[in-house]
All heavy atoms as atom14 arrays in JSON, in Angstrom:
{
  "sequence": "LCQGHTLCSMTAPDVFHLRDDDGHAYVAVTEFTPEVIEAGRRAAST",
  "atom14_mask": [
    [1, 1, 1, 1, 1, 1, 1, 1, 0, 0, 0, 0, 0, 0],
    [1, 1, 1, 1, 1, 1, 0, 0, 0, 0, 0, 0, 0, 0],
    [1, 1, 1, 1, 1, 1, 1, 1, 1, 0, 0, 0, 0, 0],
    [1, 1, 1, 1, 0, 0, 0, 0, 0, 0, 0, 0, 0, 0],
    [1, 1, 1, 1, 1, 1, 1, 1, 1, 1, 0, 0, 0, 0],
    [1, 1, 1, 1, 1, 1, 1, 0, 0, 0, 0, 0, 0, 0],
    [1, 1, 1, 1, 1, 1, 1, 1, 0, 0, 0, 0, 0, 0],
    [1, 1, 1, 1, 1, 1, 0, 0, 0, 0, 0, 0, 0, 0],
    [1, 1, 1, 1, 1, 1, 0, 0, 0, 0, 0, 0, 0, 0],
    [1, 1, 1, 1, 1, 1, 1, 1, 0, 0, 0, 0, 0, 0],
    [1, 1, 1, 1, 1, 1, 1, 0, 0, 0, 0, 0, 0, 0],
    [1, 1, 1, 1, 1, 0, 0, 0, 0, 0, 0, 0, 0, 0],
    [1, 1, 1, 1, 1, 1, 1, 0, 0, 0, 0, 0, 0, 0],
    [1, 1, 1, 1, 1, 1, 1, 1, 0, 0, 0, 0, 0, 0],
    [1, 1, 1, 1, 1, 1, 1, 0, 0, 0, 0, 0, 0, 0],
    [1, 1, 1, 1, 1, 1, 1, 1, 1, 1, 1, 0, 0, 0],
    [1, 1, 1, 1, 1, 1, 1, 1, 1, 1, 0, 0, 0, 0],
    [1, 1, 1, 1, 1, 1, 1, 1, 0, 0, 0, 0, 0, 0],
    [1, 1, 1, 1, 1, 1, 1, 1, 1, 1, 1, 0, 0, 0],
    [1, 1, 1, 1, 1, 1, 1, 1, 0, 0, 0, 0, 0, 0],
    [1, 1, 1, 1, 1, 1, 1, 1, 0, 0, 0, 0, 0, 0],
    [1, 1, 1, 1, 1, 1, 1, 1, 0, 0, 0, 0, 0, 0],
    [1, 1, 1, 1, 0, 0, 0, 0, 0, 0, 0, 0, 0, 0],
    [1, 1, 1, 1, 1, 1, 1, 1, 1, 1, 0, 0, 0, 0],
    [1, 1, 1, 1, 1, 0, 0, 0, 0, 0, 0, 0, 0, 0],
    [1, 1, 1, 1, 1, 1, 1, 1, 1, 1, 1, 1, 0, 0],
    [1, 1, 1, 1, 1, 1, 1, 0, 0, 0, 0, 0, 0, 0],
    [1, 1, 1, 1, 1, 0, 0, 0, 0, 0, 0, 0, 0, 0],
    [1, 1, 1, 1, 1, 1, 1, 0, 0, 0, 0, 0, 0, 0],
    [1, 1, 1, 1, 1, 1, 1, 0, 0, 0, 0, 0, 0, 0],
    [1, 1, 1, 1, 1, 1, 1, 1, 1, 0, 0, 0, 0, 0],
    [1, 1, 1, 1, 1, 1, 1, 1, 1, 1, 1, 0, 0, 0],
    [1, 1, 1, 1, 1, 1, 1, 0, 0, 0, 0, 0, 0, 0],
    [1, 1, 1, 1, 1, 1, 1, 0, 0, 0, 0, 0, 0, 0],
    [1, 1, 1, 1, 1, 1, 1, 1, 1, 0, 0, 0, 0, 0],
    [1, 1, 1, 1, 1, 1, 1, 0, 0, 0, 0, 0, 0, 0],
    [1, 1, 1, 1, 1, 1, 1, 1, 0, 0, 0, 0, 0, 0],
    [1, 1, 1, 1, 1, 1, 1, 1, 1, 0, 0, 0, 0, 0],
    [1, 1, 1, 1, 1, 0, 0, 0, 0, 0, 0, 0, 0, 0],
    [1, 1, 1, 1, 0, 0, 0, 0, 0, 0, 0, 0, 0, 0],
    [1, 1, 1, 1, 1, 1, 1, 1, 1, 1, 1, 0, 0, 0],
    [1, 1, 1, 1, 1, 1, 1, 1, 1, 1, 1, 0, 0, 0],
    [1, 1, 1, 1, 1, 0, 0, 0, 0, 0, 0, 0, 0, 0],
    [1, 1, 1, 1, 1, 0, 0, 0, 0, 0, 0, 0, 0, 0],
    [1, 1, 1, 1, 1, 1, 0, 0, 0, 0, 0, 0, 0, 0],
    [1, 1, 1, 1, 1, 1, 1, 0, 0, 0, 0, 0, 0, 0]
  ],
  "atom14_positions": [
    [[1.58, 1.69, -39.99], [0.82, 0.51, -39.58], [1.69, -0.67, -39.16], [1.28, -1.47, -38.33], [-0.1, 0.07, -40.72], [-1.21, 1.04, -41.1], [-2.0, 0.5, -42.28], [-2.13, 1.3, -39.92], [0.0, 0.0, 0.0], [0.0, 0.0, 0.0], [0.0, 0.0, 0.0], [0.0, 0.0, 0.0], [0.0, 0.0, 0.0], [0.0, 0.0, 0.0]],
    [[2.89, -0.79, -39.73], [3.73, -1.97, -39.47], [4.1, -2.05, -37.99], [4.55, -1.08, -37.39], [5.0, -1.9, -40.32], [6.11, -3.31, -40.04], [0.0, 0.0, 0.0], [0.0, 0.0, 0.0], [0.0, 0.0, 0.0], [0.0, 0.0, 0.0], [0.0, 0.0, 0.0], [0.0, 0.0, 0.0], [0.0, 0.0, 0.0], [0.0, 0.0, 0.0]],
    [[3.9, -3.25, -37.43], [4.24, -3.49, -36.03], [5.38, -4.5, -35.87], [5.71, -4.9, -34.77], [3.01, -3.98, -35.26], [1.89, -2.98, -35.2], [2.26, -1.75, -34.4], [2.72, -1.85, -33.28], [2.09, -0.58, -34.99], [0.0, 0.0, 0.0], [0.0, 0.0, 0.0], [0.0, 0.0, 0.0], [0.0, 0.0, 0.0], [0.0, 0.0, 0.0]],
    [[5.95, -4.94, -36.98], [7.09, -5.85, -36.92], [6.75, -7.28, -36.58], [7.52, -7.96, -35.91], [0.0, 0.0, 0.0], [0.0, 0.0, 0.0], [0.0, 0.0, 0.0], [0.0, 0.0, 0.0], [0.0, 0.0, 0.0], [0.0, 0.0, 0.0], [0.0, 0.0, 0.0], [0.0, 0.0, 0.0], [0.0, 0.0, 0.0], [0.0, 0.0, 0.0]],
    [[5.61, -7.77, -37.05], [5.23, -9.16, -36.78], [6.1, -10.17, -37.53], [6.1, -11.34, -37.18], [3.76, -9.39, -37.15], [2.8, -8.67, -36.25], [2.53, -9.07, -34.96], [2.06, -7.56, -36.47], [1.66, -8.24, -34.42], [1.36, -7.31, -35.31], [0.0, 0.0, 0.0], [0.0, 0.0, 0.0], [0.0, 0.0, 0.0], [0.0, 0.0, 0.0]],
    [[6.79, -9.74, -38.58], [7.74, -10.52, -39.4], [7.1, -11.54, -40.33], [7.81, -12.26, -41.02], [8.84, -11.23, -38.56], [8.29, -12.4, -37.93], [9.46, -10.32, -37.53], [0.0, 0.0, 0.0], [0.0, 0.0, 0.0], [0.0, 0.0, 0.0], [0.0, 0.0, 0.0], [0.0, 0.0, 0.0], [0.0, 0.0, 0.0], [0.0, 0.0, 0.0]],
    [[5.78, -11.61, -40.38], [5.14, -12.61, -41.24], [5.43, -12.37, -42.71], [5.59, -13.31, -43.47], [3.63, -12.62, -40.99], [3.21, -13.05, -39.57], [1.71, -12.9, -39.39], [3.64, -14.46, -39.29], [0.0, 0.0, 0.0], [0.0, 0.0, 0.0], [0.0, 0.0, 0.0], [0.0, 0.0, 0.0], [0.0, 0.0, 0.0], [0.0, 0.0, 0.0]],
    [[5.52, -11.11, -43.12], [5.8, -10.83, -44.53], [7.19, -11.33, -44.93], [7.36, -11.91, -46.0], [5.66, -9.35, -44.83], [6.77, -8.27, -43.91], [0.0, 0.0, 0.0], [0.0, 0.0, 0.0], [0.0, 0.0, 0.0], [0.0, 0.0, 0.0], [0.0, 0.0, 0.0], [0.0, 0.0, 0.0], [0.0, 0.0, 0.0], [0.0, 0.0, 0.0]],
    [[8.17, -11.13, -44.05], [9.52, -11.57, -44.39], [9.64, -13.09, -44.36], [10.5, -13.66, -45.04], [10.56, -10.93, -43.48], [10.42, -11.38, -42.16], [0.0, 0.0, 0.0], [0.0, 0.0, 0.0], [0.0, 0.0, 0.0], [0.0, 0.0, 0.0], [0.0, 0.0, 0.0], [0.0, 0.0, 0.0], [0.0, 0.0, 0.0], [0.0, 0.0, 0.0]],
    [[8.79, -13.76, -43.6], [8.78, -15.22, -43.62], [8.08, -15.73, -44.89], [8.48, -16.74, -45.46], [8.08, -15.77, -42.38], [8.9, -15.61, -41.12], [8.19, -16.48, -39.71], [7.01, -15.26, -39.15], [0.0, 0.0, 0.0], [0.0, 0.0, 0.0], [0.0, 0.0, 0.0], [0.0, 0.0, 0.0], [0.0, 0.0, 0.0], [0.0, 0.0, 0.0]],
    [[7.05, -14.99, -45.34], [6.29, -15.39, -46.52], [7.05, -15.08, -47.81], [7.05, -15.87, -48.74], [4.93, -14.68, -46.53], [4.24, -15.04, -45.33], [4.1, -15.09, -47.73], [0.0, 0.0, 0.0], [0.0, 0.0, 0.0], [0.0, 0.0, 0.0], [0.0, 0.0, 0.0], [0.0, 0.0, 0.0], [0.0, 0.0, 0.0], [0.0, 0.0, 0.0]],
    [[7.69, -13.92, -47.86], [8.39, -13.47, -49.06], [9.74, -12.87, -48.69], [9.95, -11.66, -48.77], [7.54, -12.47, -49.82], [0.0, 0.0, 0.0], [0.0, 0.0, 0.0], [0.0, 0.0, 0.0], [0.0, 0.0, 0.0], [0.0, 0.0, 0.0], [0.0, 0.0, 0.0], [0.0, 0.0, 0.0], [0.0, 0.0, 0.0], [0.0, 0.0, 0.0]],
    [[10.69, -13.72, -48.27], [11.97, -13.21, -47.77], [12.82, -12.48, -48.8], [13.68, -11.67, -48.43], [12.68, -14.47, -47.27], [12.03, -15.6, -47.98], [10.61, -15.17, -48.22], [0.0, 0.0, 0.0], [0.0, 0.0, 0.0], [0.0, 0.0, 0.0], [0.0, 0.0, 0.0], [0.0, 0.0, 0.0], [0.0, 0.0, 0.0], [0.0, 0.0, 0.0]],
    [[12.59, -12.72, -50.08], [13.34, -12.0, -51.11], [12.81, -10.59, -51.32], [13.52, -9.74, -51.85], [13.29, -12.76, -52.45], [14.0, -14.09, -52.39], [14.89, -14.26, -51.53], [13.66, -14.97, -53.2], [0.0, 0.0, 0.0], [0.0, 0.0, 0.0], [0.0, 0.0, 0.0], [0.0, 0.0, 0.0], [0.0, 0.0, 0.0], [0.0, 0.0, 0.0]],
    [[11.58, -10.34, -50.89], [10.94, -9.04, -51.13], [10.98, -8.17, -49.87], [11.26, -6.98, -49.94], [9.49, -9.24, -51.61], [8.78, -7.89, -51.78], [9.46, -10.04, -52.9], [0.0, 0.0, 0.0], [0.0, 0.0, 0.0], [0.0, 0.0, 0.0], [0.0, 0.0, 0.0], [0.0, 0.0, 0.0], [0.0, 0.0, 0.0], [0.0, 0.0, 0.0]],
    [[10.7, -8.76, -48.71], [10.59, -7.99, -47.47], [11.75, -8.31, -46.54], [12.0, -9.48, -46.22], [9.26, -8.29, -46.76], [8.07, -7.91, -47.57], [7.43, -8.84, -48.36], [7.6, -6.6, -47.57], [6.33, -8.5, -49.14], [6.5, -6.24, -48.34], [5.88, -7.19, -49.13], [0.0, 0.0, 0.0], [0.0, 0.0, 0.0], [0.0, 0.0, 0.0]],
    [[12.43, -7.26, -46.1], [13.47, -7.4, -45.09], [13.03, -6.62, -43.86], [12.1, -5.82, -43.92], [14.8, -6.85, -45.61], [15.38, -7.68, -46.72], [16.58, -7.39, -47.29], [14.93, -8.78, -47.37], [16.87, -8.27, -48.23], [15.86, -9.12, -48.31], [0.0, 0.0, 0.0], [0.0, 0.0, 0.0], [0.0, 0.0, 0.0], [0.0, 0.0, 0.0]],
    [[13.71, -6.86, -42.75], [13.37, -6.18, -41.49], [14.49, -5.24, -41.1], [15.67, -5.6, -41.19], [13.13, -7.21, -40.39], [12.06, -8.25, -40.69], [12.01, -9.29, -39.58], [10.7, -7.6, -40.89], [0.0, 0.0, 0.0], [0.0, 0.0, 0.0], [0.0, 0.0, 0.0], [0.0, 0.0, 0.0], [0.0, 0.0, 0.0], [0.0, 0.0, 0.0]],
    [[14.12, -4.06, -40.66], [15.13, -3.09, -40.22], [15.74, -3.53, -38.89], [15.05, -4.04, -38.01], [14.5, -1.71, -40.07], [14.13, -1.08, -41.4], [13.95, 0.43, -41.27], [12.93, 0.76, -40.29], [11.7, 1.14, -40.59], [11.32, 1.25, -41.85], [10.84, 1.43, -39.65], [0.0, 0.0, 0.0], [0.0, 0.0, 0.0], [0.0, 0.0, 0.0]],
    [[17.02, -3.29, -38.76], [17.73, -3.67, -37.53], [17.28, -2.84, -36.34], [17.23, -3.35, -35.22], [19.25, -3.5, -37.71], [19.83, -4.52, -38.68], [19.25, -5.62, -38.82], [20.87, -4.21, -39.27], [0.0, 0.0, 0.0], [0.0, 0.0, 0.0], [0.0, 0.0, 0.0], [0.0, 0.0, 0.0], [0.0, 0.0, 0.0], [0.0, 0.0, 0.0]],
    [[16.96, -1.58, -36.55], [16.67, -0.69, -35.42], [15.33, -0.97, -34.74], [15.25, -0.96, -33.52], [16.79, 0.78, -35.82], [15.86, 1.17, -36.96], [15.38, 0.26, -37.68], [15.62, 2.37, -37.15], [0.0, 0.0, 0.0], [0.0, 0.0, 0.0], [0.0, 0.0, 0.0], [0.0, 0.0, 0.0], [0.0, 0.0, 0.0], [0.0, 0.0, 0.0]],
    [[14.29, -1.25, -35.53], [12.98, -1.44, -34.9], [12.28, -2.73, -35.33], [11.18, -3.01, -34.86], [12.07, -0.23, -35.15], [11.8, 0.01, -36.64], [12.18, -0.84, -37.47], [11.19, 1.05, -36.95], [0.0, 0.0, 0.0], [0.0, 0.0, 0.0], [0.0, 0.0, 0.0], [0.0, 0.0, 0.0], [0.0, 0.0, 0.0], [0.0, 0.0, 0.0]],
    [[12.88, -3.49, -36.23], [12.27, -4.74, -36.66], [11.12, -4.6, -37.64], [10.49, -5.58, -38.0], [0.0, 0.0, 0.0], [0.0, 0.0, 0.0], [0.0, 0.0, 0.0], [0.0, 0.0, 0.0], [0.0, 0.0, 0.0], [0.0, 0.0, 0.0], [0.0, 0.0, 0.0], [0.0, 0.0, 0.0], [0.0, 0.0, 0.0], [0.0, 0.0, 0.0]],
    [[10.86, -3.38, -38.09], [9.76, -3.16, -39.02], [10.2, -3.54, -40.43], [11.38, -3.48, -40.77], [9.29, -1.72, -38.98], [8.55, -1.4, -37.72], [7.89, -0.22, -37.54], [8.35, -2.11, -36.58], [7.32, -0.21, -36.34], [7.6, -1.34, -35.74], [0.0, 0.0, 0.0], [0.0, 0.0, 0.0], [0.0, 0.0, 0.0], [0.0, 0.0, 0.0]],
    [[9.23, -3.92, -41.24], [9.51, -4.4, -42.59], [9.7, -3.26, -43.57], [9.16, -2.17, -43.39], [8.37, -5.29, -43.06], [0.0, 0.0, 0.0], [0.0, 0.0, 0.0], [0.0, 0.0, 0.0], [0.0, 0.0, 0.0], [0.0, 0.0, 0.0], [0.0, 0.0, 0.0], [0.0, 0.0, 0.0], [0.0, 0.0, 0.0], [0.0, 0.0, 0.0]],
    [[10.47, -3.56, -44.61], [10.58, -2.67, -45.76], [10.74, -3.52, -47.01], [11.11, -4.69, -46.93], [11.75, -1.69, -45.61], [13.11, -2.33, -45.59], [13.85, -2.46, -46.77], [13.68, -2.82, -44.42], [15.11, -3.06, -46.76], [14.92, -3.4, -44.4], [15.64, -3.52, -45.58], [16.88, -4.1, -45.57], [0.0, 0.0, 0.0], [0.0, 0.0, 0.0]],
    [[10.43, -2.94, -48.15], [10.55, -3.64, -49.42], [12.0, -3.53, -49.87], [12.54, -2.44, -49.99], [9.58, -3.06, -50.47], [9.8, -3.7, -51.83], [8.14, -3.27, -50.01], [0.0, 0.0, 0.0], [0.0, 0.0, 0.0], [0.0, 0.0, 0.0], [0.0, 0.0, 0.0], [0.0, 0.0, 0.0], [0.0, 0.0, 0.0], [0.0, 0.0, 0.0]],
    [[12.62, -4.68, -50.12], [14.05, -4.73, -50.42], [14.34, -4.88, -51.91], [15.46, -5.18, -52.27], [14.68, -5.9, -49.65], [0.0, 0.0, 0.0], [0.0, 0.0, 0.0], [0.0, 0.0, 0.0], [0.0, 0.0, 0.0], [0.0, 0.0, 0.0], [0.0, 0.0, 0.0], [0.0, 0.0, 0.0], [0.0, 0.0, 0.0], [0.0, 0.0, 0.0]],
    [[13.35, -4.68, -52.73], [13.55, -4.77, -54.17], [13.22, -3.43, -54.82], [12.48, -2.62, -54.25], [12.68, -5.88, -54.82], [13.02, -7.24, -54.25], [11.21, -5.59, -54.66], [0.0, 0.0, 0.0], [0.0, 0.0, 0.0], [0.0, 0.0, 0.0], [0.0, 0.0, 0.0], [0.0, 0.0, 0.0], [0.0, 0.0, 0.0], [0.0, 0.0, 0.0]],
    [[13.78, -3.2, -55.98], [13.49, -1.97, -56.71], [12.75, -2.24, -58.01], [12.17, -1.34, -58.59], [14.79, -1.2, -57.02], [15.67, -2.06, -57.73], [15.45, -0.73, -55.74], [0.0, 0.0, 0.0], [0.0, 0.0, 0.0], [0.0, 0.0, 0.0], [0.0, 0.0, 0.0], [0.0, 0.0, 0.0], [0.0, 0.0, 0.0], [0.0, 0.0, 0.0]],
    [[12.76, -3.49, -58.46], [12.05, -3.85, -59.69], [10.83, -4.68, -59.34], [10.94, -5.75, -58.75], [12.97, -4.65, -60.61], [12.37, -4.88, -61.98], [13.33, -5.58, -62.93], [14.53, -5.63, -62.64], [12.85, -6.07, -63.95], [0.0, 0.0, 0.0], [0.0, 0.0, 0.0], [0.0, 0.0, 0.0], [0.0, 0.0, 0.0], [0.0, 0.0, 0.0]],
    [[9.66, -4.16, -59.69], [8.41, -4.8, -59.32], [7.91, -5.72, -60.45], [7.02, -5.37, -61.21], [7.37, -3.76, -58.9], [7.8, -3.0, -57.68], [8.29, -1.72, -57.78], [7.77, -3.61, -56.44], [8.71, -1.03, -56.65], [8.19, -2.94, -55.3], [8.67, -1.65, -55.41], [0.0, 0.0, 0.0], [0.0, 0.0, 0.0], [0.0, 0.0, 0.0]],
    [[8.54, -6.87, -60.55], [8.19, -7.87, -61.54], [6.86, -8.52, -61.16], [6.41, -8.38, -60.01], [9.27, -8.95, -61.61], [9.3, -9.63, -60.35], [10.65, -8.38, -61.93], [0.0, 0.0, 0.0], [0.0, 0.0, 0.0], [0.0, 0.0, 0.0], [0.0, 0.0, 0.0], [0.0, 0.0, 0.0], [0.0, 0.0, 0.0], [0.0, 0.0, 0.0]],
    [[6.23, -9.25, -62.08], [5.0, -9.97, -61.7], [5.21, -10.91, -60.52], [4.31, -11.04, -59.68], [4.65, -10.75, -62.98], [5.24, -9.93, -64.09], [6.51, -9.35, -63.51], [0.0, 0.0, 0.0], [0.0, 0.0, 0.0], [0.0, 0.0, 0.0], [0.0, 0.0, 0.0], [0.0, 0.0, 0.0], [0.0, 0.0, 0.0], [0.0, 0.0, 0.0]],
    [[6.39, -11.51, -60.41], [6.68, -12.4, -59.28], [6.72, -11.63, -57.97], [6.24, -12.11, -56.94], [8.0, -13.14, -59.51], [7.98, -14.1, -60.67], [8.16, -13.45, -62.05], [8.56, -12.26, -62.13], [7.87, -14.13, -63.05], [0.0, 0.0, 0.0], [0.0, 0.0, 0.0], [0.0, 0.0, 0.0], [0.0, 0.0, 0.0], [0.0, 0.0, 0.0]],
    [[7.31, -10.45, -58.0], [7.38, -9.61, -56.79], [5.98, -9.16, -56.38], [5.63, -9.18, -55.2], [8.32, -8.41, -57.01], [8.18, -7.39, -55.89], [9.77, -8.88, -57.13], [0.0, 0.0, 0.0], [0.0, 0.0, 0.0], [0.0, 0.0, 0.0], [0.0, 0.0, 0.0], [0.0, 0.0, 0.0], [0.0, 0.0, 0.0], [0.0, 0.0, 0.0]],
    [[5.17, -8.77, -57.37], [3.8, -8.34, -57.07], [3.02, -9.49, -56.44], [2.31, -9.31, -55.44], [3.1, -7.82, -58.34], [3.8, -6.56, -58.87], [1.62, -7.57, -58.09], [3.79, -5.37, -57.92], [0.0, 0.0, 0.0], [0.0, 0.0, 0.0], [0.0, 0.0, 0.0], [0.0, 0.0, 0.0], [0.0, 0.0, 0.0], [0.0, 0.0, 0.0]],
    [[3.16, -10.69, -57.0], [2.45, -11.85, -56.45], [2.94, -12.15, -55.02], [2.14, -12.44, -54.13], [2.64, -13.07, -57.35], [1.92, -14.3, -56.86], [0.43, -14.11, -56.61], [-0.22, -13.34, -57.34], [-0.09, -14.74, -55.66], [0.0, 0.0, 0.0], [0.0, 0.0, 0.0], [0.0, 0.0, 0.0], [0.0, 0.0, 0.0], [0.0, 0.0, 0.0]],
    [[4.25, -12.09, -54.81], [4.79, -12.3, -53.46], [4.27, -11.24, -52.51], [3.96, -11.52, -51.34], [6.32, -12.29, -53.5], [0.0, 0.0, 0.0], [0.0, 0.0, 0.0], [0.0, 0.0, 0.0], [0.0, 0.0, 0.0], [0.0, 0.0, 0.0], [0.0, 0.0, 0.0], [0.0, 0.0, 0.0], [0.0, 0.0, 0.0], [0.0, 0.0, 0.0]],
    [[4.15, -10.01, -52.98], [3.59, -8.93, -52.17], [2.15, -9.21, -51.78], [1.75, -8.97, -50.64], [0.0, 0.0, 0.0], [0.0, 0.0, 0.0], [0.0, 0.0, 0.0], [0.0, 0.0, 0.0], [0.0, 0.0, 0.0], [0.0, 0.0, 0.0], [0.0, 0.0, 0.0], [0.0, 0.0, 0.0], [0.0, 0.0, 0.0], [0.0, 0.0, 0.0]],
    [[1.38, -9.73, -52.72], [-0.02, -10.07, -52.41], [-0.11, -11.19, -51.38], [-0.93, -11.14, -50.47], [-0.76, -10.47, -53.69], [-1.08, -9.3, -54.58], [-2.03, -9.69, -55.69], [-2.34, -8.52, -56.49], [-1.94, -8.35, -57.74], [-1.24, -9.27, -58.36], [-2.25, -7.25, -58.39], [0.0, 0.0, 0.0], [0.0, 0.0, 0.0], [0.0, 0.0, 0.0]],
    [[0.74, -12.21, -51.55], [0.76, -13.3, -50.56], [1.12, -12.77, -49.19], [0.5, -13.11, -48.19], [1.76, -14.39, -50.98], [1.26, -15.31, -52.07], [2.1, -16.58, -52.19], [3.53, -16.35, -52.18], [4.26, -16.06, -53.27], [3.67, -15.97, -54.46], [5.56, -15.87, -53.18], [0.0, 0.0, 0.0], [0.0, 0.0, 0.0], [0.0, 0.0, 0.0]],
    [[2.15, -11.95, -49.12], [2.58, -11.4, -47.83], [1.51, -10.49, -47.24], [1.27, -10.51, -46.03], [3.89, -10.64, -48.0], [0.0, 0.0, 0.0], [0.0, 0.0, 0.0], [0.0, 0.0, 0.0], [0.0, 0.0, 0.0], [0.0, 0.0, 0.0], [0.0, 0.0, 0.0], [0.0, 0.0, 0.0], [0.0, 0.0, 0.0], [0.0, 0.0, 0.0]],
    [[0.85, -9.7, -48.09], [-0.21, -8.81, -47.6], [-1.32, -9.61, -46.92], [-1.89, -9.16, -45.92], [-0.77, -7.97, -48.74], [0.0, 0.0, 0.0], [0.0, 0.0, 0.0], [0.0, 0.0, 0.0], [0.0, 0.0, 0.0], [0.0, 0.0, 0.0], [0.0, 0.0, 0.0], [0.0, 0.0, 0.0], [0.0, 0.0, 0.0], [0.0, 0.0, 0.0]],
    [[-1.59, -10.79, -47.44], [-2.66, -11.6, -46.85], [-2.28, -12.15, -45.48], [-3.15, -12.57, -44.72], [-3.03, -12.75, -47.79], [-2.03, -13.73, -47.81], [0.0, 0.0, 0.0], [0.0, 0.0, 0.0], [0.0, 0.0, 0.0], [0.0, 0.0, 0.0], [0.0, 0.0, 0.0], [0.0, 0.0, 0.0], [0.0, 0.0, 0.0], [0.0, 0.0, 0.0]],
    [[-1.0, -12.12, -45.12], [-0.55, -12.61, -43.82], [-0.42, -11.51, -42.78], [-0.26, -11.79, -41.6], [0.81, -13.33, -43.91], [1.85, -12.37, -44.14], [0.81, -14.39, -44.99], [0.0, 0.0, 0.0], [0.0, 0.0, 0.0], [0.0, 0.0, 0.0], [0.0, 0.0, 0.0], [0.0, 0.0, 0.0], [0.0, 0.0, 0.0], [0.0, 0.0, 0.0]]
  ]
}
């Protein structure tokens, strides 16, 4: 589904990074703390 709009990485730059090859987002953390989950929810809404 990701089209590389970059809104998630602007909303939660510590959680979402963009791949160099296609600009699509990926989750850059391995520990899903409550703060990361909340940031994920905020980014999902964008």
